[in-house]
Protein backbone atom coordinates (compact mmCIF):
# COMPACT_ATOMS: atom_id res chain seq x y z
CA UNK A 1 0.00 0.00 0.00
CA UNK A 2 1.31 3.45 -0.91
CA UNK A 3 0.98 6.26 1.63
CA UNK A 4 -1.60 8.90 0.75
CA UNK A 5 -0.93 11.52 3.40
CA UNK A 6 2.18 13.66 3.08
CA UNK A 7 4.82 13.27 5.79
CA UNK A 8 4.93 16.03 8.37
CA UNK A 9 7.49 18.76 7.76
CA UNK A 10 8.64 21.13 10.45
CA UNK A 11 8.43 24.89 10.07
CA UNK A 12 12.20 25.07 9.62
CA UNK A 13 12.27 22.52 6.79
CA UNK A 14 13.42 23.93 3.47
CA UNK A 15 14.41 22.35 0.21
CA UNK A 16 17.66 23.81 -1.02
CA UNK A 17 17.73 24.32 -4.77
CA UNK A 18 19.28 26.96 -6.95
CA UNK A 19 15.91 27.89 -8.43
CA UNK A 20 12.36 26.76 -7.76
CA UNK A 21 12.07 26.26 -11.53
CA UNK A 22 14.53 23.37 -11.16
CA UNK A 23 12.60 21.64 -8.40
CA UNK A 24 10.36 18.63 -9.09
CA UNK A 25 8.62 16.66 -6.37
CA UNK A 26 6.95 13.43 -7.48
CA UNK A 27 4.25 11.97 -5.26
CA UNK A 28 1.63 9.23 -5.79
CA UNK A 29 -0.97 10.52 -8.26
CA UNK A 30 -3.80 10.10 -5.76
CA UNK A 31 -1.92 12.25 -3.23
CA UNK A 32 -1.19 15.35 -5.32
CA UNK A 33 -3.98 17.48 -3.83
CA UNK A 34 -3.09 16.42 -0.28
CA UNK A 35 0.52 17.49 -0.79
CA UNK A 36 -0.36 20.76 -2.51
CA UNK A 37 -2.58 21.81 0.39
CA UNK A 38 -0.60 20.38 3.32
CA UNK A 39 1.08 22.77 5.71
CA UNK A 40 4.65 23.56 4.57
CA UNK A 41 4.29 21.38 1.44
CA UNK A 42 1.99 23.99 -0.10
CA UNK A 43 5.01 26.29 -0.48
CA UNK A 44 6.20 23.87 -3.17
CA UNK A 45 2.78 23.28 -4.82
CA UNK A 46 4.01 24.35 -8.24
CA UNK A 47 6.73 21.69 -8.17
CA UNK A 48 4.51 18.79 -7.08
CA UNK A 49 3.49 16.29 -9.76
CA UNK A 50 1.71 12.97 -9.67
CA UNK A 51 3.46 9.76 -10.61
CA UNK A 52 2.30 6.16 -10.75
CA UNK A 53 4.86 4.39 -8.56
C-alpha atoms as a PDB file:
ATOM      1  CA  UNK A   1       0.000   0.000   0.000  1.00  0.00           C
ATOM      2  CA  UNK A   2       1.307   3.454  -0.911  1.00  0.00           C
ATOM      3  CA  UNK A   3       0.982   6.265   1.630  1.00  0.00           C
ATOM      4  CA  UNK A   4      -1.602   8.896   0.749  1.00  0.00           C
ATOM      5  CA  UNK A   5      -0.935  11.521   3.403  1.00  0.00           C
ATOM      6  CA  UNK A   6       2.184  13.659   3.079  1.00  0.00           C
ATOM      7  CA  UNK A   7       4.820  13.269   5.787  1.00  0.00           C
ATOM      8  CA  UNK A   8       4.927  16.033   8.367  1.00  0.00           C
ATOM      9  CA  UNK A   9       7.485  18.755   7.759  1.00  0.00           C
ATOM     10  CA  UNK A  10       8.644  21.129  10.446  1.00  0.00           C
ATOM     11  CA  UNK A  11       8.429  24.891  10.073  1.00  0.00           C
ATOM     12  CA  UNK A  12      12.201  25.066   9.623  1.00  0.00           C
ATOM     13  CA  UNK A  13      12.267  22.516   6.794  1.00  0.00           C
ATOM     14  CA  UNK A  14      13.417  23.931   3.474  1.00  0.00           C
ATOM     15  CA  UNK A  15      14.410  22.349   0.214  1.00  0.00           C
ATOM     16  CA  UNK A  16      17.657  23.807  -1.019  1.00  0.00           C
ATOM     17  CA  UNK A  17      17.725  24.315  -4.765  1.00  0.00           C
ATOM     18  CA  UNK A  18      19.281  26.960  -6.947  1.00  0.00           C
ATOM     19  CA  UNK A  19      15.910  27.886  -8.426  1.00  0.00           C
ATOM     20  CA  UNK A  20      12.360  26.756  -7.759  1.00  0.00           C
ATOM     21  CA  UNK A  21      12.070  26.262 -11.530  1.00  0.00           C
ATOM     22  CA  UNK A  22      14.535  23.367 -11.160  1.00  0.00           C
ATOM     23  CA  UNK A  23      12.596  21.641  -8.396  1.00  0.00           C
ATOM     24  CA  UNK A  24      10.360  18.626  -9.093  1.00  0.00           C
ATOM     25  CA  UNK A  25       8.623  16.661  -6.365  1.00  0.00           C
ATOM     26  CA  UNK A  26       6.949  13.427  -7.476  1.00  0.00           C
ATOM     27  CA  UNK A  27       4.250  11.966  -5.260  1.00  0.00           C
ATOM     28  CA  UNK A  28       1.633   9.226  -5.789  1.00  0.00           C
ATOM     29  CA  UNK A  29      -0.966  10.518  -8.263  1.00  0.00           C
ATOM     30  CA  UNK A  30      -3.804  10.101  -5.762  1.00  0.00           C
ATOM     31  CA  UNK A  31      -1.925  12.248  -3.226  1.00  0.00           C
ATOM     32  CA  UNK A  32      -1.192  15.351  -5.317  1.00  0.00           C
ATOM     33  CA  UNK A  33      -3.985  17.483  -3.835  1.00  0.00           C
ATOM     34  CA  UNK A  34      -3.090  16.420  -0.284  1.00  0.00           C
ATOM     35  CA  UNK A  35       0.519  17.490  -0.793  1.00  0.00           C
ATOM     36  CA  UNK A  36      -0.362  20.764  -2.509  1.00  0.00           C
ATOM     37  CA  UNK A  37      -2.584  21.813   0.388  1.00  0.00           C
ATOM     38  CA  UNK A  38      -0.596  20.379   3.322  1.00  0.00           C
ATOM     39  CA  UNK A  39       1.083  22.767   5.706  1.00  0.00           C
ATOM     40  CA  UNK A  40       4.654  23.560   4.571  1.00  0.00           C
ATOM     41  CA  UNK A  41       4.289  21.377   1.441  1.00  0.00           C
ATOM     42  CA  UNK A  42       1.992  23.985  -0.095  1.00  0.00           C
ATOM     43  CA  UNK A  43       5.006  26.286  -0.484  1.00  0.00           C
ATOM     44  CA  UNK A  44       6.195  23.865  -3.171  1.00  0.00           C
ATOM     45  CA  UNK A  45       2.779  23.284  -4.821  1.00  0.00           C
ATOM     46  CA  UNK A  46       4.015  24.351  -8.243  1.00  0.00           C
ATOM     47  CA  UNK A  47       6.734  21.693  -8.168  1.00  0.00           C
ATOM     48  CA  UNK A  48       4.506  18.792  -7.081  1.00  0.00           C
ATOM     49  CA  UNK A  49       3.494  16.290  -9.763  1.00  0.00           C
ATOM     50  CA  UNK A  50       1.713  12.966  -9.667  1.00  0.00           C
ATOM     51  CA  UNK A  51       3.464   9.764 -10.610  1.00  0.00           C
ATOM     52  CA  UNK A  52       2.301   6.157 -10.754  1.00  0.00           C
ATOM     53  CA  UNK A  53       4.858   4.390  -8.559  1.00  0.00           C
END
